[in-house]
């Protein structure tokens, strides 16, 4: 199993947008029900930080999250939503977002 844990902080005026995006991701996950993906998201007490956990079973080939429309919408303007994020192109934004991930393989 591959487990990815990410923590990020959004700008205070973008909190509701972040929550809406997370809810859309869960709605699409419920609709598509990928059996080998386990996903959880938590809003932290400070009100602007979130932690998510994505676990992929070893039998899964690739991560379905980046192909999901709701996830694509979430990362589209991530530089504008995250506090302290930088980068001018989508690839740079993705690399910066991945930088906060901690990965562990069992």
Protein backbone atom coordinates (compact mmCIF):
# COMPACT_ATOMS: atom_id res chain seq x y z
CA UNK A 1 0.00 0.00 0.00
CA UNK A 2 1.23 3.48 -0.87
CA UNK A 3 0.13 6.17 1.57
CA UNK A 4 0.35 9.86 0.75
CA UNK A 5 -0.20 12.47 3.44
CA UNK A 6 -0.41 16.12 2.47
CA UNK A 7 -0.81 19.27 4.51
CA UNK A 8 -1.50 22.66 3.03
CA UNK A 9 -2.71 26.09 4.11
CA UNK A 10 -5.10 28.20 2.08
CA UNK A 11 -5.54 31.95 2.09
CA UNK A 12 -8.19 33.03 4.61
CA UNK A 13 -10.50 34.40 1.92
CA UNK A 14 -10.38 31.09 -0.01
CA UNK A 15 -11.37 28.69 2.79
CA UNK A 16 -14.91 28.09 1.56
CA UNK A 17 -13.66 27.53 -1.98
CA UNK A 18 -11.25 24.90 -0.65
CA UNK A 19 -14.05 23.18 1.27
CA UNK A 20 -16.26 23.21 -1.83
CA UNK A 21 -13.47 21.64 -3.88
CA UNK A 22 -12.89 18.93 -1.28
CA UNK A 23 -16.63 18.16 -1.18
CA UNK A 24 -16.64 17.92 -4.98
CA UNK A 25 -13.74 15.47 -4.86
CA UNK A 26 -15.64 13.31 -2.37
CA UNK A 27 -18.79 13.48 -4.50
CA UNK A 28 -16.87 12.27 -7.55
CA UNK A 29 -15.15 9.57 -5.49
CA UNK A 30 -18.58 8.38 -4.31
CA UNK A 31 -19.84 8.36 -7.89
CA UNK A 32 -16.86 6.53 -9.40
CA UNK A 33 -16.02 4.41 -6.34
CA UNK A 34 -12.45 3.38 -7.17
CA UNK A 35 -12.17 0.26 -4.99
CA UNK A 36 -8.44 0.46 -4.30
CA UNK A 37 -8.31 4.14 -3.31
CA UNK A 38 -8.95 5.27 0.25
CA UNK A 39 -9.14 9.04 0.78
CA UNK A 40 -9.73 11.27 3.80
CA UNK A 41 -9.48 15.02 4.33
CA UNK A 42 -9.41 16.95 7.58
CA UNK A 43 -9.74 20.68 8.26
CA UNK A 44 -7.46 21.74 11.10
CA UNK A 45 -8.39 23.93 14.08
CA UNK A 46 -6.70 27.02 12.65
CA UNK A 47 -9.45 27.12 10.01
CA UNK A 48 -7.08 27.57 7.05
CA UNK A 49 -5.04 24.35 7.07
CA UNK A 50 -6.07 20.95 5.77
CA UNK A 51 -4.54 17.50 5.86
CA UNK A 52 -5.47 14.71 3.50
CA UNK A 53 -4.56 11.06 3.34
CA UNK A 54 -4.70 9.01 0.17
CA UNK A 55 -3.95 5.31 0.32
CA UNK A 56 -3.59 3.23 -2.81
CA UNK A 57 -3.68 -0.54 -2.65
CA UNK A 58 -0.72 -2.28 -4.26
CA UNK A 59 -3.04 -3.82 -6.85
CA UNK A 60 -3.91 -0.37 -8.23
CA UNK A 61 -2.08 0.79 -11.34
CA UNK A 62 -1.66 4.55 -11.08
CA UNK A 63 -3.50 7.07 -9.00
CA UNK A 64 -7.02 7.91 -10.24
CA UNK A 65 -7.20 11.22 -8.36
CA UNK A 66 -5.29 13.34 -10.93
CA UNK A 67 -7.64 12.11 -13.68
CA UNK A 68 -10.79 13.13 -11.79
CA UNK A 69 -12.54 16.32 -12.95
CA UNK A 70 -13.02 17.58 -9.38
CA UNK A 71 -9.35 17.11 -8.56
CA UNK A 72 -8.32 18.85 -11.80
CA UNK A 73 -10.54 21.79 -10.83
CA UNK A 74 -8.96 21.81 -7.37
CA UNK A 75 -5.40 22.14 -8.68
CA UNK A 76 -6.21 24.49 -11.58
CA UNK A 77 -5.64 27.70 -9.63
CA UNK A 78 -3.89 26.20 -6.62
CA UNK A 79 -1.26 28.95 -6.65
CA UNK A 80 -3.98 31.51 -6.01
CA UNK A 81 -5.60 29.48 -3.23
CA UNK A 82 -2.61 28.28 -1.22
CA UNK A 83 -0.93 30.65 1.18
CA UNK A 84 2.74 30.99 0.22
CA UNK A 85 2.47 29.03 -3.04
CA UNK A 86 4.45 30.22 -6.04
CA UNK A 87 5.03 29.31 -9.64
CA UNK A 88 3.81 30.57 -12.97
CA UNK A 89 3.03 27.40 -14.87
CA UNK A 90 0.80 24.43 -13.97
CA UNK A 91 3.77 22.05 -13.84
CA UNK A 92 5.53 24.24 -11.32
CA UNK A 93 2.36 24.49 -9.23
CA UNK A 94 2.03 20.69 -9.22
CA UNK A 95 5.67 20.23 -8.23
CA UNK A 96 5.27 22.72 -5.38
CA UNK A 97 2.09 21.00 -4.22
CA UNK A 98 3.82 17.61 -4.33
CA UNK A 99 6.65 19.03 -2.25
CA UNK A 100 4.40 19.04 0.82
CA UNK A 101 3.53 15.38 0.41
CA UNK A 102 5.06 12.74 2.63
CA UNK A 103 5.07 9.31 1.07
CA UNK A 104 5.53 6.01 2.78
CA UNK A 105 5.43 2.56 1.27
CA UNK A 106 4.74 -0.54 3.35
